[in-house]
Protein backbone atom coordinates (compact mmCIF):
# COMPACT_ATOMS: atom_id res chain seq x y z
CA MET A 1 20.84 147.05 191.44
CA LEU A 2 18.08 147.85 189.80
CA GLY A 3 18.93 148.23 186.60
CA GLY A 4 17.55 145.54 185.34
CA LEU A 5 13.75 144.92 186.97
CA LEU A 6 11.78 145.67 183.97
CA TRP A 7 8.76 146.59 185.93
CA LEU A 8 5.46 148.66 184.83
CA ALA A 9 4.55 151.63 187.34
CA VAL A 10 1.41 152.55 188.12
CA GLY A 11 1.19 155.36 189.64
CA CYS A 12 -1.20 155.85 192.64
CA GLY A 13 -4.24 157.13 193.66
CA PRO A 14 -5.02 160.97 195.22
CA ALA A 15 -4.51 161.18 198.92
CA ALA A 16 -6.70 161.65 201.10
CA GLU A 17 -7.29 162.91 205.06
CA PRO A 18 -3.96 161.50 207.05
CA THR A 19 -6.12 160.16 209.95
CA VAL A 20 -4.34 156.55 211.17
CA ALA A 21 -6.49 154.18 214.02
CA ASP A 22 -3.66 153.61 217.28
CA GLY A 23 -1.28 151.17 216.29
CA ALA A 24 -1.92 150.72 213.15
CA PRO A 25 1.54 152.37 211.71
CA ALA A 26 3.76 149.39 213.22
CA ALA A 27 1.36 147.30 212.11
CA LEU A 28 2.01 148.03 208.57
CA ASP A 29 5.64 148.34 209.29
CA ALA A 30 5.92 144.97 210.17
CA GLY A 31 4.95 143.97 206.55
CA TRP A 32 5.91 142.93 203.43
CA ILE A 33 6.20 145.95 201.73
CA SER A 34 8.19 147.31 204.30
CA GLN A 35 11.08 145.00 204.00
CA VAL A 36 11.57 145.42 200.52
CA VAL A 37 11.64 149.84 200.89
CA THR A 38 13.77 148.83 204.03
CA ALA A 39 15.72 145.74 203.34
CA PRO A 40 16.51 146.78 198.69
CA ALA A 41 19.03 144.23 198.52
CA SER A 42 17.48 141.32 200.13
CA PHE A 43 14.00 142.03 197.78
CA THR A 44 16.88 142.07 194.81
CA ALA A 45 18.73 138.77 196.22
CA LEU A 46 15.04 136.42 196.77
CA VAL A 47 14.26 137.55 192.67
CA ASP A 48 17.12 136.55 191.17
CA ARG A 49 17.43 133.78 193.82
CA THR A 50 13.97 132.21 192.56
CA GLY A 51 13.00 133.43 189.03
CA ARG A 52 13.65 137.25 187.97
CA GLU A 53 11.33 136.43 185.15
CA GLY A 54 8.64 134.86 187.65
CA TRP A 55 7.81 137.83 189.10
CA VAL A 56 8.12 140.03 186.70
CA LEU A 57 5.12 137.80 184.67
CA LEU A 58 3.15 137.17 188.35
CA HIS A 59 3.34 140.94 189.63
CA GLN A 60 1.89 141.87 185.76
CA GLY A 61 -0.82 139.25 186.21
CA ARG A 62 0.22 137.10 183.86
CA LEU A 63 -0.24 133.44 185.37
CA THR A 64 0.29 131.30 182.72
CA GLN A 65 3.44 132.64 182.43
CA ALA A 66 5.11 133.01 185.62
CA ALA A 67 4.12 129.45 185.82
CA ARG A 68 6.20 128.62 182.48
CA ALA A 69 8.53 131.10 183.73
CA PHE A 70 9.73 129.82 187.46
CA PRO A 71 12.02 127.46 188.33
CA ASP A 72 10.81 124.68 191.45
CA GLY A 73 11.04 126.25 194.09
CA PRO A 74 8.63 129.06 196.14
CA GLY A 75 8.57 130.91 192.77
CA ARG A 76 6.37 127.75 192.01
CA ALA A 77 4.44 127.50 195.09
CA ARG A 78 3.84 131.28 195.19
CA ILE A 79 2.74 131.09 192.16
CA ALA A 80 -0.01 127.71 192.06
CA LEU A 81 -1.88 130.23 195.35
CA GLU A 82 -2.25 132.61 192.57
CA GLN A 83 -3.63 129.97 190.26
CA ALA A 84 -5.67 128.29 192.79
CA TRP A 85 -7.87 131.56 194.58
CA LEU A 86 -7.95 132.80 190.21
CA SER A 87 -9.51 129.01 189.72
CA GLN A 88 -11.87 128.69 193.03
CA ASP A 89 -13.15 132.29 191.92
CA LEU A 90 -13.78 131.13 188.32
CA ALA A 91 -15.14 127.58 190.48
CA TRP A 92 -17.64 130.02 192.00
CA LEU A 93 -18.69 131.44 189.34
CA ALA A 94 -19.66 128.67 187.30
CA ALA A 95 -21.79 127.66 190.19
CA GLU A 96 -23.68 130.94 189.49
CA ALA A 97 -23.00 130.28 185.55
CA TRP A 98 -24.48 126.52 184.98
CA PRO A 99 -27.45 126.65 186.76
CA ARG A 100 -29.37 130.12 185.65
CA LEU A 101 -29.31 128.20 182.09
CA ALA A 102 -30.39 125.30 183.58
CA ASP A 103 -33.30 127.13 184.95
CA ALA A 104 -33.44 129.77 181.42
CA TRP A 105 -33.15 126.66 179.28
CA VAL A 106 -36.02 124.25 181.31
CA ALA A 107 -38.72 126.92 181.43
CA ARG A 108 -37.76 127.02 177.83
CA ASP A 109 -37.92 123.72 176.73
CA PRO A 110 -39.56 121.63 179.73
CA ALA A 111 -38.00 118.58 178.41
CA ILE A 112 -34.58 119.48 178.57
CA ALA A 113 -34.45 118.65 182.60
CA GLN A 114 -34.30 114.59 180.48
CA GLY A 115 -31.11 115.76 179.13
CA PRO A 116 -27.43 116.01 180.92
CA LEU A 117 -27.93 119.85 181.89
CA PRO A 118 -29.59 119.81 185.33
CA ALA A 119 -27.22 117.02 185.84
CA LEU A 120 -24.59 119.47 184.96
CA ALA A 121 -25.10 122.52 186.81
CA ALA A 122 -25.84 120.73 190.30
CA ALA A 123 -21.89 119.78 189.56
CA SER A 124 -21.30 123.05 189.18
CA LEU A 125 -23.03 123.67 192.66
CA LEU A 126 -22.00 120.24 194.59
CA ALA A 127 -18.27 120.93 193.54
CA THR A 128 -18.34 124.49 195.75
CA GLY A 129 -19.52 123.05 198.80
CA ALA A 130 -23.52 123.83 198.30
CA PRO A 131 -26.69 121.15 198.81
CA VAL A 132 -28.19 119.90 196.10
CA ASP A 133 -30.97 118.19 195.75
CA LEU A 134 -30.37 115.07 193.30
CA SER A 135 -33.46 113.56 193.79
CA ALA A 136 -34.61 114.61 191.03
CA LEU A 137 -32.28 113.60 188.48
CA PRO A 138 -32.17 110.12 187.05
CA ALA A 139 -30.46 107.51 188.98
CA ASP A 140 -26.80 107.15 186.72
CA ASP A 141 -26.66 110.71 187.31
CA GLN A 142 -26.48 111.02 191.20
CA ALA A 143 -24.06 107.79 190.94
CA TRP A 144 -21.26 110.40 190.01
CA LEU A 145 -22.50 113.41 191.19
CA ALA A 146 -22.88 111.90 194.87
CA ALA A 147 -19.03 111.55 194.31
CA ILE A 148 -18.50 114.85 194.60
CA PRO A 149 -19.04 116.73 197.92
CA ALA A 150 -16.54 112.92 198.99
CA ALA A 151 -14.18 114.65 196.02
CA THR A 152 -14.43 118.03 198.16
CA ALA A 153 -13.58 117.37 201.47
CA GLY A 154 -10.59 115.04 200.42
CA GLN A 155 -11.53 111.64 199.52
CA ALA A 156 -10.69 109.59 196.04
CA PRO A 157 -13.78 108.76 194.62
CA PRO A 158 -14.05 104.92 192.78
CA ALA A 159 -11.46 104.43 190.48
CA ASP A 160 -14.25 102.94 188.08
CA LEU A 161 -16.25 106.16 188.08
CA ARG A 162 -18.15 106.79 185.46
CA GLY A 163 -19.68 110.32 184.70
CA PRO A 164 -21.92 111.89 181.87
CA ASP A 165 -19.16 111.69 179.29
CA VAL A 166 -17.35 109.25 176.99
CA ASP A 167 -13.67 110.28 177.80
CA GLY A 168 -13.73 110.54 181.14
CA CYS A 169 -13.40 113.73 181.80
CA VAL A 170 -16.02 114.96 184.06
CA ALA A 171 -14.80 111.76 186.44
CA ALA A 172 -11.29 112.72 186.22
CA ALA A 173 -12.87 116.71 187.47
CA ILE A 174 -13.87 114.55 190.09
CA ALA A 175 -10.33 112.86 190.96
CA MET A 176 -8.98 115.85 190.49
CA LEU A 177 -11.36 117.26 193.65
CA GLY A 178 -10.32 114.21 195.39
CA GLY A 179 -6.92 114.45 195.37
CA SER A 180 -6.38 111.23 193.30
CA ALA A 181 -4.45 113.20 190.56
CA ASP A 182 -3.21 116.84 189.12
CA ASP A 183 -4.22 117.79 186.10
CA LEU A 184 -6.82 116.27 183.14
CA PRO A 185 -6.23 113.74 180.82
CA PRO A 186 -5.17 114.84 177.23
CA ALA A 187 -8.30 114.27 176.24
CA CYS A 188 -10.60 116.33 177.98
CA ALA A 189 -9.05 119.99 176.27
CA ALA A 190 -10.29 123.07 178.03
CA ASP A 191 -11.39 124.45 174.62
CA ALA A 192 -13.47 121.54 173.93
CA PRO A 193 -17.09 120.72 174.58
CA LEU A 194 -17.48 117.36 176.49
CA ARG A 195 -18.89 114.50 174.11
CA LEU A 196 -22.12 113.38 175.37
CA ASP A 197 -24.13 110.94 173.92
CA THR A 198 -27.47 113.41 174.32
CA ALA A 199 -27.96 116.50 172.47
CA GLY A 200 -26.12 119.39 173.08
CA SER A 201 -22.90 121.19 173.73
CA PHE A 202 -21.96 121.47 177.22
CA TYR A 203 -18.13 121.84 178.76
CA ASP A 204 -16.76 120.50 181.58
CA PRO A 205 -18.55 122.79 184.83
CA LEU A 206 -16.47 120.92 187.10
CA ARG A 207 -13.36 122.10 185.42
CA PHE A 208 -12.25 125.35 187.17
CA ALA A 209 -12.34 124.40 190.90
CA ALA A 210 -10.54 121.17 189.97
CA ARG A 211 -7.48 122.56 188.92
CA ALA A 212 -8.58 125.12 191.88
CA ALA A 213 -7.86 121.94 193.98
CA ALA A 214 -4.91 120.39 192.16
CA ALA A 215 -2.90 123.94 192.33
CA GLY A 216 -3.46 124.41 196.05
CA ARG A 217 -2.65 121.09 197.01
CA GLN A 218 0.91 122.33 195.40
CA ALA A 219 1.35 124.98 196.66
CA GLN A 220 0.73 123.04 199.85
CA ARG A 221 3.48 121.26 199.27
CA GLY A 222 5.77 123.47 198.24
CA SER A 223 5.59 126.76 200.65
CA GLY A 224 8.02 124.96 202.95
CA SER A 225 9.28 121.84 201.62
CA ASP A 226 12.18 123.85 199.44
CA GLY A 227 14.60 125.00 201.92
CA ASP A 228 14.02 128.43 200.87
CA SER A 229 12.59 129.92 204.51
CA ASP A 230 11.96 133.57 203.48
CA PRO A 231 8.48 134.19 204.22
CA LEU A 232 9.01 136.74 201.45
CA ALA A 233 8.72 134.29 198.34
CA LEU A 234 4.76 133.64 200.37
CA LEU A 235 4.52 137.13 200.96
CA LEU A 236 5.15 139.51 198.37
CA PHE A 237 3.40 140.51 196.12
CA GLY A 238 0.39 138.36 197.84
CA PRO A 239 -3.03 138.75 200.15
CA TRP A 240 -1.57 138.67 203.16
CA TRP A 241 0.34 141.68 204.85
CA ALA A 242 2.44 140.37 206.93
CA PRO A 243 3.92 137.17 208.63
CA ALA A 244 1.10 137.18 210.61
CA ASP A 245 -1.56 137.40 208.65
CA LEU A 246 0.37 134.77 206.56
CA ASP A 247 0.59 132.60 209.99
CA ALA A 248 -3.09 133.61 210.93
CA ALA A 249 -4.69 131.56 207.22
CA ARG A 250 -1.93 128.56 207.85
CA GLN A 251 -4.62 127.65 210.01
CA ASP A 252 -7.03 127.36 207.69
CA PRO A 253 -7.93 123.89 207.54
CA ALA A 254 -8.49 124.52 203.93
CA GLY A 255 -4.91 125.19 203.68
CA LEU A 256 -3.87 128.17 201.86
CA GLY A 257 -5.40 127.48 198.80
CA ALA A 258 -8.41 129.02 200.21
CA ALA A 259 -9.45 132.27 199.30
CA PRO A 260 -7.77 134.32 201.47
CA ALA A 261 -9.76 136.53 203.70
CA MET A 262 -8.49 139.48 205.04
CA ASP A 263 -9.98 139.47 208.63
CA GLY A 264 -5.89 139.37 210.14
CA PRO A 265 -4.10 141.04 212.86
CA THR A 266 -2.47 143.92 210.56
CA LEU A 267 -6.75 144.70 209.00
CA ARG A 268 -7.86 144.62 212.45
CA ALA A 269 -4.50 146.87 213.78
CA LEU A 270 -6.30 149.59 211.79
CA ALA A 271 -10.04 149.33 213.40
CA LEU A 272 -11.35 149.82 209.94
CA PRO A 273 -15.77 150.40 209.78
CA GLU A 274 -17.15 147.07 209.11
CA ALA A 275 -19.42 147.51 205.81
CA GLY A 276 -22.23 146.02 207.57
CA ALA A 277 -24.54 143.62 206.38
CA GLU A 278 -27.23 145.29 204.19
CA ASP A 279 -26.17 145.04 200.76
CA LEU A 280 -25.15 149.29 201.13
CA PRO A 281 -22.93 150.54 198.03
CA GLN A 282 -21.76 153.42 200.15
CA ALA A 283 -20.75 151.33 202.98
CA ALA A 284 -17.81 149.50 201.39
CA ARG A 285 -17.01 152.31 199.75
CA GLU A 286 -16.87 154.61 203.24
CA ARG A 287 -14.85 151.25 204.89
CA VAL A 288 -12.41 152.20 201.68
CA ARG A 289 -11.86 155.36 202.02
CA ALA A 290 -10.63 154.91 205.58
CA LEU A 291 -7.85 152.31 204.03
CA ASP A 292 -6.90 154.69 201.89
CA ARG A 293 -6.58 157.12 204.94
CA ALA A 294 -4.30 154.80 206.70
CA LEU A 295 -2.42 153.66 203.86
CA ASP A 296 -2.11 157.14 201.91
CA ASP A 297 -0.18 158.34 205.50
CA TRP A 298 1.61 155.58 205.75
CA GLU A 299 3.04 155.50 202.79
CA ARG A 300 4.52 159.02 202.70
CA ALA A 301 6.02 158.23 205.75
CA GLN A 302 7.54 155.34 204.03
CA ALA A 303 9.08 156.92 201.14
CA GLN A 304 10.55 159.48 203.47
CA ALA A 305 12.35 157.32 205.65
CA ALA A 306 13.47 154.45 202.07
CA ASP A 307 16.87 155.12 200.53
CA PRO A 308 16.87 155.53 197.04
CA ASP A 309 16.46 152.48 195.63
CA GLY A 310 14.16 151.66 198.17
CA ALA A 311 12.03 154.59 197.08
CA ALA A 312 12.15 153.33 193.58
CA LEU A 313 10.94 150.05 194.34
CA LEU A 314 7.67 151.58 196.58
CA THR A 315 6.96 153.91 193.35
CA ASP A 316 7.68 152.43 190.58
CA LEU A 317 5.95 148.89 191.58
CA ALA A 318 3.10 150.49 192.94
CA LEU A 319 3.65 149.08 196.04
CA VAL A 320 0.89 150.15 198.08
CA PRO A 321 -1.50 150.77 195.76
CA GLN A 322 -1.37 147.51 194.33
CA ALA A 323 -1.59 145.56 198.33
CA ARG A 324 -4.41 148.30 198.57
CA GLY A 325 -6.14 145.96 195.61
CA ARG A 326 -6.11 142.67 196.83
CA VAL A 327 -7.79 143.89 200.29
CA LEU A 328 -10.40 145.59 198.18
CA LEU A 329 -10.11 142.17 196.29
CA SER A 330 -10.45 140.08 199.40
CA TRP A 331 -13.13 142.19 200.71
CA ALA A 332 -15.68 141.49 197.17
CA ARG A 333 -15.36 138.12 197.93
CA GLN A 334 -15.98 137.96 200.75
CA ALA A 335 -19.43 140.05 200.15
CA LEU A 336 -20.46 137.83 197.28
CA ALA A 337 -19.86 135.18 199.90
CA GLN A 338 -22.17 136.58 202.36
CA ASP A 339 -24.81 137.99 199.13
CA ARG A 340 -23.99 140.98 198.74
CA PRO A 341 -22.95 141.81 195.65
CA HIS A 342 -23.14 145.82 194.85
CA GLN A 343 -21.06 145.99 197.28
CA ALA A 344 -18.79 143.55 196.03
CA THR A 345 -19.15 145.37 192.79
CA ALA A 346 -18.58 149.01 194.25
CA TYR A 347 -14.80 147.59 196.13
CA LEU A 348 -13.82 145.85 192.65
CA MET A 349 -14.62 149.85 191.14
CA LEU A 350 -12.35 150.99 193.28
CA ALA A 351 -9.81 147.93 192.90
CA HIS A 352 -9.54 148.41 189.36
CA ASP A 353 -6.38 150.25 187.48
CA VAL A 354 -8.43 152.54 185.08
CA GLU A 355 -5.51 153.39 182.90
CA GLN A 356 -5.44 150.22 182.00
CA ALA A 357 -8.77 149.47 182.44
CA ARG A 358 -9.42 145.94 180.71
CA GLU A 359 -6.01 145.01 180.67
CA LEU A 360 -4.16 142.60 183.18
CA GLY A 361 -1.50 144.83 185.09
CA PRO A 362 -0.15 145.17 188.97
CA ARG A 363 -4.07 146.47 189.79
CA ASN A 364 -5.44 144.12 187.77
CA PRO A 365 -4.93 140.49 188.69
CA PRO A 366 -7.22 138.51 186.73
CA SER A 367 -9.81 137.43 189.71
CA LEU A 368 -11.13 141.34 189.86
CA PHE A 369 -12.02 140.40 186.14
CA ALA A 370 -13.67 137.22 187.47
CA LEU A 371 -15.66 138.44 190.60
CA ALA A 372 -16.36 141.55 188.73
CA ALA A 373 -18.49 139.09 186.24
CA LEU A 374 -19.85 136.97 189.17
CA ALA A 375 -21.13 140.60 191.11
CA ALA A 376 -22.24 141.28 187.82
CA LEU A 377 -24.54 137.35 186.72
CA ARG A 378 -25.67 138.41 190.79
CA THR A 379 -27.17 141.69 189.72
CA GLY A 380 -28.67 141.11 187.30
CA ARG A 381 -26.32 142.28 184.23
CA THR A 382 -25.41 138.78 182.09
CA ARG A 383 -24.07 140.67 179.24
CA GLU A 384 -21.59 142.96 181.00
CA ALA A 385 -20.16 139.65 182.97
CA LEU A 386 -18.98 138.54 179.15
CA ASP A 387 -17.75 141.76 178.86
CA HIS A 388 -15.78 141.12 182.10
CA LEU A 389 -13.82 138.29 180.68
CA ASP A 390 -13.13 139.32 177.93
CA PRO A 391 -9.10 140.88 179.72
CA LEU A 392 -9.30 137.13 180.33
CA LEU A 393 -9.02 135.54 177.55
CA ALA A 394 -5.48 135.40 176.34
CA GLU A 395 -3.79 134.83 179.17
CA HIS A 396 -5.96 132.37 180.21
CA PRO A 397 -8.18 130.48 176.90
CA GLU A 398 -9.54 128.09 179.32
CA VAL A 399 -12.03 130.61 180.17
CA ARG A 400 -13.53 131.15 176.93
CA ALA A 401 -15.38 128.07 177.45
CA LEU A 402 -16.91 129.49 180.54
CA ALA A 403 -17.47 133.01 178.32
CA GLU A 404 -19.47 130.34 175.94
CA THR A 405 -21.45 129.21 179.11
CA ILE A 406 -22.58 132.71 180.22
CA GLY A 407 -23.49 133.45 176.46
CA ASP A 408 -25.94 131.01 175.98
CA LEU A 409 -27.95 132.24 179.53
CA ALA A 410 -27.37 136.08 178.19
CA VAL A 411 -28.89 134.62 174.87
CA LEU A 412 -31.84 132.99 176.42
CA GLU A 413 -32.36 135.75 178.98
CA GLY A 414 -32.73 137.94 175.67
CA MET A 415 -34.34 135.54 173.30
CA ASP A 416 -37.73 137.32 172.93
CA ARG A 417 -36.09 140.61 171.80
CA GLN A 418 -32.34 138.72 169.80
CA GLY A 419 -33.46 135.29 168.32
CA ASP A 420 -32.60 131.58 168.94
CA SER A 421 -30.09 130.47 171.10
CA LYS A 422 -28.02 127.43 170.62
CA GLU A 423 -29.29 124.58 172.21
CA ASN A 424 -27.25 122.35 169.71
């Protein structure tokens, strides 16, 4: 039954002391991993029915290839969620990089403040919901920038909205944010800079936020409209441990496409320690050790109770280490949102599969590298942020534009030691 599944096998980490909070085993037993392990035939039927190749690629972190491989149905909705979360992480990275680039350039040459860069930096912030004072910007820029907050709230922009570029790519991205478009026009290639009337070579800072919004809508439309009522299709290899966690996520007004928060009933049942309000990496590491103690004990029990097919899936697909990594990614997002980048770095380091250090894989999903780049920027390690983006470039060539923007920032920050930047 399992011979046709060509999955990568990933080993588990070392076991820790077996202590589990009261009620934790029952909460973990209600999750999708138990469903796969105790009913492997149902899992195989779901995979076959909804696109085996797509699930294999999704498990390996190959989102672009998986999106092409999945047929219409629950698999397509599931991959849209992954694309929405990755695009949102990259939008947050853009919102960190663009203002830093603008500040560094204006500090070097105040005349830059009269060009397009400050407005593009403001756009990257507005797309993530950050408040921005637009009063110092030219009136023409204020007009299109003011449409971004309305678009993120679900309001379609005016049809005649004009952005700063000749081809209308920024206006098209705002339309995607507002829900009046689901893709950018052909003229807005991912690897091409905006065509501006002024000097300078800049990319669209709204691209990732726009793609996050469009993918989130696609996932929302497909997450219950295809007649497949099996919740495993949305839970499989994802951030929600159990149906109860998915039900809690559905209550988020932002929809399932919003970055998932691992604060549902399953993790609450584990009674794990909090990481605290201070940016202390040791507190984050202690929280992960507590999670590992609960998961290691539970995984051993699952392996002992499973039949040979279920035990093979548990081990060969590295189901528990992969799910553990998704918890740590969510904690890293939360830490970054609360301005605790050193804790985020600790979570991401502990989530990283060092055996595939610079490769995508079951325990190294694309968002791990995007969040690591964001944490590196937040802690003043710009060139390290560039290194984190390298593993994404083959699968996600659109990231190259963001990497180039961060590369410009690295040059400016080190100009005294390394020479000139590529301002023109």
